[in-house]
């Protein structure tokens, strides 16, 4: 990620980062409830286990963060778009 793409002093970029962290923390908790390893999740999600590890350590892609920053700027909250996915496991 280029430093010029993301500026955490920008309130919308910062909010996007916080939302990304919250989403990944929720997914990590769900993974653990299911008894899955990072490797299991990677297999089912079709990504590398390195990708899962990076996401769980809050190392996000610029696209995700800037998309969430745009949500913040437009006052479109991720819970409105991701709510059904995040709550699918009854959490």
PDB file of N, CA and C in Angstrom:
ATOM      1  N   UNK A   1       0.840  -1.168   0.000  1.00  0.00           N
ATOM      2  CA  UNK A   1       0.000   0.000   0.000  1.00  0.00           C
ATOM      3  C   UNK A   1       0.890   1.236   0.000  1.00  0.00           C
ATOM      4  N   UNK A   2       0.581   2.176  -0.869  1.00  0.00           N
ATOM      5  CA  UNK A   2       1.324   3.412  -0.925  1.00  0.00           C
ATOM      6  C   UNK A   2       0.874   4.329   0.200  1.00  0.00           C
ATOM      7  N   UNK A   3       1.830   5.002   0.835  1.00  0.00           N
ATOM      8  CA  UNK A   3       1.473   5.924   1.903  1.00  0.00           C
ATOM      9  C   UNK A   3       0.566   7.037   1.403  1.00  0.00           C
ATOM     10  N   UNK A   4       0.687   7.404   0.145  1.00  0.00           N
ATOM     11  CA  UNK A   4      -0.122   8.491  -0.403  1.00  0.00           C
ATOM     12  C   UNK A   4      -1.583   8.090  -0.565  1.00  0.00           C
ATOM     13  N   UNK A   5      -1.882   6.783  -0.579  1.00  0.00           N
ATOM     14  CA  UNK A   5      -3.254   6.325  -0.760  1.00  0.00           C
ATOM     15  C   UNK A   5      -4.078   6.428   0.514  1.00  0.00           C
ATOM     16  N   UNK A   6      -3.454   6.247   1.644  1.00  0.00           N
ATOM     17  CA  UNK A   6      -4.180   6.186   2.904  1.00  0.00           C
ATOM     18  C   UNK A   6      -3.557   7.166   3.888  1.00  0.00           C
ATOM     19  N   UNK A   7      -4.387   8.004   4.459  1.00  0.00           N
ATOM     20  CA  UNK A   7      -3.933   9.010   5.403  1.00  0.00           C
ATOM     21  C   UNK A   7      -4.795   8.885   6.658  1.00  0.00           C
ATOM     22  N   UNK A   8      -4.259   8.243   7.687  1.00  0.00           N
ATOM     23  CA  UNK A   8      -5.055   7.996   8.887  1.00  0.00           C
ATOM     24  C   UNK A   8      -5.352   9.265   9.679  1.00  0.00           C
ATOM     25  N   UNK A   9      -4.785  10.414   9.263  1.00  0.00           N
ATOM     26  CA  UNK A   9      -5.191  11.674   9.883  1.00  0.00           C
ATOM     27  C   UNK A   9      -6.497  12.176   9.257  1.00  0.00           C
ATOM     28  N   UNK A  10      -6.869  11.610   8.102  1.00  0.00           N
ATOM     29  CA  UNK A  10      -8.153  11.917   7.476  1.00  0.00           C
ATOM     30  C   UNK A  10      -9.217  11.135   8.242  1.00  0.00           C
ATOM     31  N   UNK A  11     -10.229  11.812   8.783  1.00  0.00           N
ATOM     32  CA  UNK A  11     -11.205  11.087   9.610  1.00  0.00           C
ATOM     33  C   UNK A  11     -11.936   9.961   8.880  1.00  0.00           C
ATOM     34  N   UNK A  12     -12.165  10.113   7.582  1.00  0.00           N
ATOM     35  CA  UNK A  12     -12.861   9.052   6.844  1.00  0.00           C
ATOM     36  C   UNK A  12     -11.935   7.861   6.601  1.00  0.00           C
ATOM     37  N   UNK A  13     -10.674   8.120   6.343  1.00  0.00           N
ATOM     38  CA  UNK A  13      -9.710   7.019   6.192  1.00  0.00           C
ATOM     39  C   UNK A  13      -9.573   6.274   7.521  1.00  0.00           C
ATOM     40  N   UNK A  14      -9.499   7.037   8.619  1.00  0.00           N
ATOM     41  CA  UNK A  14      -9.356   6.425   9.935  1.00  0.00           C
ATOM     42  C   UNK A  14     -10.589   5.589  10.278  1.00  0.00           C
ATOM     43  N   UNK A  15     -11.779   6.126  10.000  1.00  0.00           N
ATOM     44  CA  UNK A  15     -13.004   5.371  10.266  1.00  0.00           C
ATOM     45  C   UNK A  15     -13.044   4.103   9.423  1.00  0.00           C
ATOM     46  N   UNK A  16     -12.624   4.202   8.173  1.00  0.00           N
ATOM     47  CA  UNK A  16     -12.553   3.019   7.320  1.00  0.00           C
ATOM     48  C   UNK A  16     -11.650   1.952   7.905  1.00  0.00           C
ATOM     49  N   UNK A  17     -10.499   2.385   8.434  1.00  0.00           N
ATOM     50  CA  UNK A  17      -9.570   1.445   9.060  1.00  0.00           C
ATOM     51  C   UNK A  17     -10.213   0.784  10.282  1.00  0.00           C
ATOM     52  N   UNK A  18     -10.899   1.576  11.111  1.00  0.00           N
ATOM     53  CA  UNK A  18     -11.547   1.010  12.297  1.00  0.00           C
ATOM     54  C   UNK A  18     -12.621  -0.006  11.910  1.00  0.00           C
ATOM     55  N   UNK A  19     -13.400   0.310  10.873  1.00  0.00           N
ATOM     56  CA  UNK A  19     -14.424  -0.628  10.421  1.00  0.00           C
ATOM     57  C   UNK A  19     -13.798  -1.909   9.886  1.00  0.00           C
ATOM     58  N   UNK A  20     -12.701  -1.787   9.135  1.00  0.00           N
ATOM     59  CA  UNK A  20     -12.017  -2.974   8.613  1.00  0.00           C
ATOM     60  C   UNK A  20     -11.537  -3.849   9.766  1.00  0.00           C
ATOM     61  N   UNK A  21     -10.991  -3.223  10.798  1.00  0.00           N
ATOM     62  CA  UNK A  21     -10.529  -3.980  11.972  1.00  0.00           C
ATOM     63  C   UNK A  21     -11.698  -4.692  12.646  1.00  0.00           C
ATOM     64  N   UNK A  22     -12.811  -3.994  12.789  1.00  0.00           N
ATOM     65  CA  UNK A  22     -13.986  -4.588  13.427  1.00  0.00           C
ATOM     66  C   UNK A  22     -14.520  -5.770  12.617  1.00  0.00           C
ATOM     67  N   UNK A  23     -14.586  -5.621  11.319  1.00  0.00           N
ATOM     68  CA  UNK A  23     -15.055  -6.703  10.458  1.00  0.00           C
ATOM     69  C   UNK A  23     -14.141  -7.912  10.586  1.00  0.00           C
ATOM     70  N   UNK A  24     -12.830  -7.698  10.509  1.00  0.00           N
ATOM     71  CA  UNK A  24     -11.900  -8.827  10.575  1.00  0.00           C
ATOM     72  C   UNK A  24     -11.888  -9.465  11.953  1.00  0.00           C
ATOM     73  N   UNK A  25     -12.026  -8.669  13.011  1.00  0.00           N
ATOM     74  CA  UNK A  25     -12.080  -9.245  14.357  1.00  0.00           C
ATOM     75  C   UNK A  25     -13.322 -10.121  14.519  1.00  0.00           C
ATOM     76  N   UNK A  26     -14.434  -9.688  13.927  1.00  0.00           N
ATOM     77  CA  UNK A  26     -15.661 -10.480  13.974  1.00  0.00           C
ATOM     78  C   UNK A  26     -15.477 -11.789  13.212  1.00  0.00           C
ATOM     79  N   UNK A  27     -14.873 -11.714  12.037  1.00  0.00           N
ATOM     80  CA  UNK A  27     -14.637 -12.921  11.250  1.00  0.00           C
ATOM     81  C   UNK A  27     -13.661 -13.866  11.951  1.00  0.00           C
ATOM     82  N   UNK A  28     -12.663 -13.319  12.620  1.00  0.00           N
ATOM     83  CA  UNK A  28     -11.694 -14.145  13.354  1.00  0.00           C
ATOM     84  C   UNK A  28     -12.394 -14.878  14.509  1.00  0.00           C
ATOM     85  N   UNK A  29     -13.248 -14.152  15.235  1.00  0.00           N
ATOM     86  CA  UNK A  29     -13.997 -14.800  16.326  1.00  0.00           C
ATOM     87  C   UNK A  29     -14.863 -15.923  15.776  1.00  0.00           C
ATOM     88  N   UNK A  30     -15.527 -15.684  14.658  1.00  0.00           N
ATOM     89  CA  UNK A  30     -16.386 -16.708  14.050  1.00  0.00           C
ATOM     90  C   UNK A  30     -15.571 -17.913  13.609  1.00  0.00           C
ATOM     91  N   UNK A  31     -14.401 -17.657  13.030  1.00  0.00           N
ATOM     92  CA  UNK A  31     -13.512 -18.742  12.611  1.00  0.00           C
ATOM     93  C   UNK A  31     -13.175 -19.629  13.801  1.00  0.00           C
ATOM     94  N   UNK A  32     -12.879 -18.982  14.926  1.00  0.00           N
ATOM     95  CA  UNK A  32     -12.500 -19.738  16.126  1.00  0.00           C
ATOM     96  C   UNK A  32     -13.693 -20.511  16.696  1.00  0.00           C
ATOM     97  N   UNK A  33     -14.885 -19.908  16.663  1.00  0.00           N
ATOM     98  CA  UNK A  33     -16.097 -20.613  17.130  1.00  0.00           C
ATOM     99  C   UNK A  33     -16.298 -21.884  16.328  1.00  0.00           C
ATOM    100  N   UNK A  34     -16.042 -21.816  15.036  1.00  0.00           N
ATOM    101  CA  UNK A  34     -16.191 -22.988  14.171  1.00  0.00           C
ATOM    102  C   UNK A  34     -15.055 -23.998  14.347  1.00  0.00           C
ATOM    103  N   UNK A  35     -14.012 -23.606  15.077  1.00  0.00           N
ATOM    104  CA  UNK A  35     -12.877 -24.492  15.276  1.00  0.00           C
ATOM    105  C   UNK A  35     -11.963 -24.573  14.059  1.00  0.00           C
ATOM    106  N   UNK A  36     -12.050 -23.579  13.190  1.00  0.00           N
ATOM    107  CA  UNK A  36     -11.239 -23.567  11.974  1.00  0.00           C
ATOM    108  C   UNK A  36      -9.881 -22.929  12.244  1.00  0.00           C
ATOM    109  N   UNK A  37      -8.889 -23.434  11.556  1.00  0.00           N
ATOM    110  CA  UNK A  37      -7.587 -22.786  11.545  1.00  0.00           C
ATOM    111  C   UNK A  37      -7.600 -21.719  10.443  1.00  0.00           C
ATOM    112  N   UNK A  38      -6.552 -20.908  10.427  1.00  0.00           N
ATOM    113  CA  UNK A  38      -6.419 -19.941   9.335  1.00  0.00           C
ATOM    114  C   UNK A  38      -6.308 -20.671   8.002  1.00  0.00           C
ATOM    115  N   UNK A  39      -5.648 -21.800   8.023  1.00  0.00           N
ATOM    116  CA  UNK A  39      -5.497 -22.594   6.798  1.00  0.00           C
ATOM    117  C   UNK A  39      -6.859 -23.099   6.317  1.00  0.00           C
ATOM    118  N   UNK A  40      -7.725 -23.532   7.246  1.00  0.00           N
ATOM    119  CA  UNK A  40      -9.075 -23.967   6.882  1.00  0.00           C
ATOM    120  C   UNK A  40      -9.847 -22.829   6.218  1.00  0.00           C
ATOM    121  N   UNK A  41      -9.814 -21.659   6.849  1.00  0.00           N
ATOM    122  CA  UNK A  41     -10.531 -20.514   6.297  1.00  0.00           C
ATOM    123  C   UNK A  41      -9.994 -20.156   4.917  1.00  0.00           C
ATOM    124  N   UNK A  42      -8.690 -20.169   4.784  1.00  0.00           N
ATOM    125  CA  UNK A  42      -8.073 -19.851   3.487  1.00  0.00           C
ATOM    126  C   UNK A  42      -8.571 -20.808   2.410  1.00  0.00           C
ATOM    127  N   UNK A  43      -8.628 -22.086   2.749  1.00  0.00           N
ATOM    128  CA  UNK A  43      -9.081 -23.093   1.784  1.00  0.00           C
ATOM    129  C   UNK A  43     -10.519 -22.817   1.347  1.00  0.00           C
ATOM    130  N   UNK A  44     -11.417 -22.603   2.314  1.00  0.00           N
ATOM    131  CA  UNK A  44     -12.828 -22.386   1.989  1.00  0.00           C
ATOM    132  C   UNK A  44     -13.073 -21.037   1.308  1.00  0.00           C
ATOM    133  N   UNK A  45     -12.252 -20.039   1.641  1.00  0.00           N
ATOM    134  CA  UNK A  45     -12.423 -18.705   1.050  1.00  0.00           C
ATOM    135  C   UNK A  45     -11.708 -18.580  -0.293  1.00  0.00           C
ATOM    136  N   UNK A  46     -10.842 -19.542  -0.602  1.00  0.00           N
ATOM    137  CA  UNK A  46     -10.117 -19.497  -1.872  1.00  0.00           C
ATOM    138  C   UNK A  46      -9.001 -18.476  -1.899  1.00  0.00           C
ATOM    139  N   UNK A  47      -8.380 -18.275  -0.736  1.00  0.00           N
ATOM    140  CA  UNK A  47      -7.236 -17.363  -0.640  1.00  0.00           C
ATOM    141  C   UNK A  47      -6.089 -18.094   0.047  1.00  0.00           C
ATOM    142  N   UNK A  48      -4.935 -17.479   0.077  1.00  0.00           N
ATOM    143  CA  UNK A  48      -3.796 -18.116   0.746  1.00  0.00           C
ATOM    144  C   UNK A  48      -3.914 -17.943   2.263  1.00  0.00           C
ATOM    145  N   UNK A  49      -3.285 -18.858   2.997  1.00  0.00           N
ATOM    146  CA  UNK A  49      -3.295 -18.717   4.450  1.00  0.00           C
ATOM    147  C   UNK A  49      -2.520 -17.468   4.870  1.00  0.00           C
ATOM    148  N   UNK A  50      -1.566 -17.035   4.048  1.00  0.00           N
ATOM    149  CA  UNK A  50      -0.843 -15.792   4.314  1.00  0.00           C
ATOM    150  C   UNK A  50      -1.807 -14.611   4.268  1.00  0.00           C
ATOM    151  N   UNK A  51      -2.742 -14.632   3.322  1.00  0.00           N
ATOM    152  CA  UNK A  51      -3.732 -13.556   3.218  1.00  0.00           C
ATOM    153  C   UNK A  51      -4.604 -13.505   4.463  1.00  0.00           C
ATOM    154  N   UNK A  52      -5.073 -14.648   4.917  1.00  0.00           N
ATOM    155  CA  UNK A  52      -5.902 -14.697   6.129  1.00  0.00           C
ATOM    156  C   UNK A  52      -5.108 -14.162   7.321  1.00  0.00           C
ATOM    157  N   UNK A  53      -3.875 -14.589   7.447  1.00  0.00           N
ATOM    158  CA  UNK A  53      -3.030 -14.128   8.542  1.00  0.00           C
ATOM    159  C   UNK A  53      -2.852 -12.615   8.511  1.00  0.00           C
ATOM    160  N   UNK A  54      -2.584 -12.085   7.334  1.00  0.00           N
ATOM    161  CA  UNK A  54      -2.389 -10.628   7.201  1.00  0.00           C
ATOM    162  C   UNK A  54      -3.659  -9.871   7.565  1.00  0.00           C
ATOM    163  N   UNK A  55      -4.804 -10.360   7.105  1.00  0.00           N
ATOM    164  CA  UNK A  55      -6.066  -9.689   7.428  1.00  0.00           C
ATOM    165  C   UNK A  55      -6.337  -9.713   8.929  1.00  0.00           C
ATOM    166  N   UNK A  56      -6.066 -10.841   9.559  1.00  0.00           N
ATOM    167  CA  UNK A  56      -6.295 -10.943  11.004  1.00  0.00           C
ATOM    168  C   UNK A  56      -5.326 -10.082  11.804  1.00  0.00           C
ATOM    169  N   UNK A  57      -4.216  -9.698  11.189  1.00  0.00           N
ATOM    170  CA  UNK A  57      -3.258  -8.779  11.829  1.00  0.00           C
ATOM    171  C   UNK A  57      -3.498  -7.333  11.376  1.00  0.00           C
ATOM    172  N   UNK A  58      -4.642  -7.109  10.745  1.00  0.00           N
ATOM    173  CA  UNK A  58      -5.065  -5.774  10.306  1.00  0.00           C
ATOM    174  C   UNK A  58      -4.140  -5.174   9.255  1.00  0.00           C
ATOM    175  N   UNK A  59      -3.612  -5.998   8.385  1.00  0.00           N
ATOM    176  CA  UNK A  59      -2.836  -5.535   7.233  1.00  0.00           C
ATOM    177  C   UNK A  59      -3.759  -5.639   6.018  1.00  0.00           C
ATOM    178  N   UNK A  60      -4.472  -4.562   5.746  1.00  0.00           N
ATOM    179  CA  UNK A  60      -5.532  -4.561   4.746  1.00  0.00           C
ATOM    180  C   UNK A  60      -5.064  -4.010   3.415  1.00  0.00           C
ATOM    181  N   UNK A  61      -5.809  -4.360   2.372  1.00  0.00           N
ATOM    182  CA  UNK A  61      -5.538  -3.802   1.056  1.00  0.00           C
ATOM    183  C   UNK A  61      -6.040  -2.361   1.011  1.00  0.00           C
ATOM    184  N   UNK A  62      -5.399  -1.577   0.184  1.00  0.00           N
ATOM    185  CA  UNK A  62      -5.807  -0.185   0.013  1.00  0.00           C
ATOM    186  C   UNK A  62      -7.245  -0.103  -0.469  1.00  0.00           C
ATOM    187  N   UNK A  63      -7.636  -0.993  -1.379  1.00  0.00           N
ATOM    188  CA  UNK A  63      -8.992  -0.966  -1.918  1.00  0.00           C
ATOM    189  C   UNK A  63     -10.046  -1.100  -0.840  1.00  0.00           C
ATOM    190  N   UNK A  64      -9.850  -2.039   0.073  1.00  0.00           N
ATOM    191  CA  UNK A  64     -10.806  -2.226   1.165  1.00  0.00           C
ATOM    192  C   UNK A  64     -10.880  -0.974   2.021  1.00  0.00           C
ATOM    193  N   UNK A  65      -9.725  -0.457   2.411  1.00  0.00           N
ATOM    194  CA  UNK A  65      -9.714   0.700   3.301  1.00  0.00           C
ATOM    195  C   UNK A  65     -10.325   1.928   2.648  1.00  0.00           C
ATOM    196  N   UNK A  66     -10.004   2.156   1.387  1.00  0.00           N
ATOM    197  CA  UNK A  66     -10.551   3.330   0.712  1.00  0.00           C
ATOM    198  C   UNK A  66     -12.043   3.161   0.420  1.00  0.00           C
ATOM    199  N   UNK A  67     -12.495   1.931   0.196  1.00  0.00           N
ATOM    200  CA  UNK A  67     -13.934   1.689   0.041  1.00  0.00           C
ATOM    201  C   UNK A  67     -14.666   2.017   1.332  1.00  0.00           C
ATOM    202  N   UNK A  68     -14.101   1.612   2.457  1.00  0.00           N
ATOM    203  CA  UNK A  68     -14.720   1.906   3.742  1.00  0.00           C
ATOM    204  C   UNK A  68     -14.625   3.392   4.073  1.00  0.00           C
ATOM    205  N   UNK A  69     -13.544   4.052   3.627  1.00  0.00           N
ATOM    206  CA  UNK A  69     -13.438   5.508   3.807  1.00  0.00           C
ATOM    207  C   UNK A  69     -14.538   6.215   3.019  1.00  0.00           C
ATOM    208  N   UNK A  70     -14.819   5.721   1.814  1.00  0.00           N
ATOM    209  CA  UNK A  70     -15.899   6.292   1.013  1.00  0.00           C
ATOM    210  C   UNK A  70     -17.242   6.074   1.713  1.00  0.00           C
ATOM    211  N   UNK A  71     -17.431   4.896   2.314  1.00  0.00           N
ATOM    212  CA  UNK A  71     -18.654   4.647   3.094  1.00  0.00           C
ATOM    213  C   UNK A  71     -18.789   5.693   4.203  1.00  0.00           C
ATOM    214  N   UNK A  72     -17.704   5.961   4.891  1.00  0.00           N
ATOM    215  CA  UNK A  72     -17.725   6.946   5.965  1.00  0.00           C
ATOM    216  C   UNK A  72     -18.092   8.327   5.437  1.00  0.00           C
ATOM    217  N   UNK A  73     -17.469   8.727   4.343  1.00  0.00           N
ATOM    218  CA  UNK A  73     -17.734  10.044   3.771  1.00  0.00           C
ATOM    219  C   UNK A  73     -19.191  10.182   3.336  1.00  0.00           C
ATOM    220  N   UNK A  74     -19.760   9.096   2.831  1.00  0.00           N
ATOM    221  CA  UNK A  74     -21.141   9.117   2.336  1.00  0.00           C
ATOM    222  C   UNK A  74     -22.173   8.769   3.417  1.00  0.00           C
ATOM    223  N   UNK A  75     -21.665   8.499   4.626  1.00  0.00           N
ATOM    224  CA  UNK A  75     -22.508   8.093   5.746  1.00  0.00           C
ATOM    225  C   UNK A  75     -23.322   6.840   5.427  1.00  0.00           C
ATOM    226  N   UNK A  76     -22.683   5.915   4.725  1.00  0.00           N
ATOM    227  CA  UNK A  76     -23.238   4.590   4.453  1.00  0.00           C
ATOM    228  C   UNK A  76     -22.442   3.632   5.327  1.00  0.00           C
ATOM    229  N   UNK A  77     -23.067   3.115   6.364  1.00  0.00           N
ATOM    230  CA  UNK A  77     -22.337   2.338   7.352  1.00  0.00           C
ATOM    231  C   UNK A  77     -22.221   0.873   6.949  1.00  0.00           C
ATOM    232  N   UNK A  78     -21.048   0.288   7.128  1.00  0.00           N
ATOM    233  CA  UNK A  78     -20.840  -1.112   6.729  1.00  0.00           C
ATOM    234  C   UNK A  78     -21.850  -2.067   7.351  1.00  0.00           C
ATOM    235  N   UNK A  79     -22.347  -1.747   8.515  1.00  0.00           N
ATOM    236  CA  UNK A  79     -23.322  -2.645   9.140  1.00  0.00           C
ATOM    237  C   UNK A  79     -24.574  -2.778   8.276  1.00  0.00           C
ATOM    238  N   UNK A  80     -24.870  -1.755   7.482  1.00  0.00           N
ATOM    239  CA  UNK A  80     -26.025  -1.833   6.590  1.00  0.00           C
ATOM    240  C   UNK A  80     -25.780  -2.786   5.435  1.00  0.00           C
ATOM    241  N   UNK A  81     -24.542  -2.863   4.983  1.00  0.00           N
ATOM    242  CA  UNK A  81     -24.224  -3.715   3.831  1.00  0.00           C
ATOM    243  C   UNK A  81     -23.684  -5.069   4.249  1.00  0.00           C
ATOM    244  N   UNK A  82     -22.962  -5.125   5.368  1.00  0.00           N
ATOM    245  CA  UNK A  82     -22.359  -6.381   5.805  1.00  0.00           C
ATOM    246  C   UNK A  82     -23.145  -7.056   6.930  1.00  0.00           C
ATOM    247  N   UNK A  83     -24.142  -6.401   7.460  1.00  0.00           N
ATOM    248  CA  UNK A  83     -24.855  -6.902   8.628  1.00  0.00           C
ATOM    249  C   UNK A  83     -25.340  -8.324   8.496  1.00  0.00           C
ATOM    250  N   UNK A  84     -25.931  -8.657   7.365  1.00  0.00           N
ATOM    251  CA  UNK A  84     -26.454 -10.013   7.186  1.00  0.00           C
ATOM    252  C   UNK A  84     -25.331 -11.033   7.148  1.00  0.00           C
ATOM    253  N   UNK A  85     -24.201 -10.662   6.561  1.00  0.00           N
ATOM    254  CA  UNK A  85     -23.068 -11.583   6.477  1.00  0.00           C
ATOM    255  C   UNK A  85     -22.464 -11.794   7.870  1.00  0.00           C
ATOM    256  N   UNK A  86     -22.212 -10.690   8.570  1.00  0.00           N
ATOM    257  CA  UNK A  86     -21.560 -10.774   9.882  1.00  0.00           C
ATOM    258  C   UNK A  86     -22.434 -11.524  10.873  1.00  0.00           C
ATOM    259  N   UNK A  87     -23.739 -11.335  10.804  1.00  0.00           N
ATOM    260  CA  UNK A  87     -24.637 -11.946  11.780  1.00  0.00           C
ATOM    261  C   UNK A  87     -25.150 -13.318  11.361  1.00  0.00           C
ATOM    262  N   UNK A  88     -24.666 -13.844  10.258  1.00  0.00           N
ATOM    263  CA  UNK A  88     -25.162 -15.131   9.751  1.00  0.00           C
ATOM    264  C   UNK A  88     -24.933 -16.265  10.737  1.00  0.00           C
ATOM    265  N   UNK A  89     -23.895 -16.147  11.553  1.00  0.00           N
ATOM    266  CA  UNK A  89     -23.600 -17.212  12.509  1.00  0.00           C
ATOM    267  C   UNK A  89     -24.288 -17.023  13.844  1.00  0.00           C
ATOM    268  N   UNK A  90     -25.181 -16.079  13.939  1.00  0.00           N
ATOM    269  CA  UNK A  90     -25.921 -15.874  15.180  1.00  0.00           C
ATOM    270  C   UNK A  90     -25.168 -15.053  16.207  1.00  0.00           C
ATOM    271  N   UNK A  91     -24.107 -14.361  15.773  1.00  0.00           N
ATOM    272  CA  UNK A  91     -23.355 -13.533  16.733  1.00  0.00           C
ATOM    273  C   UNK A  91     -23.843 -12.116  16.711  1.00  0.00           C
TER     274      UNK A  91
END
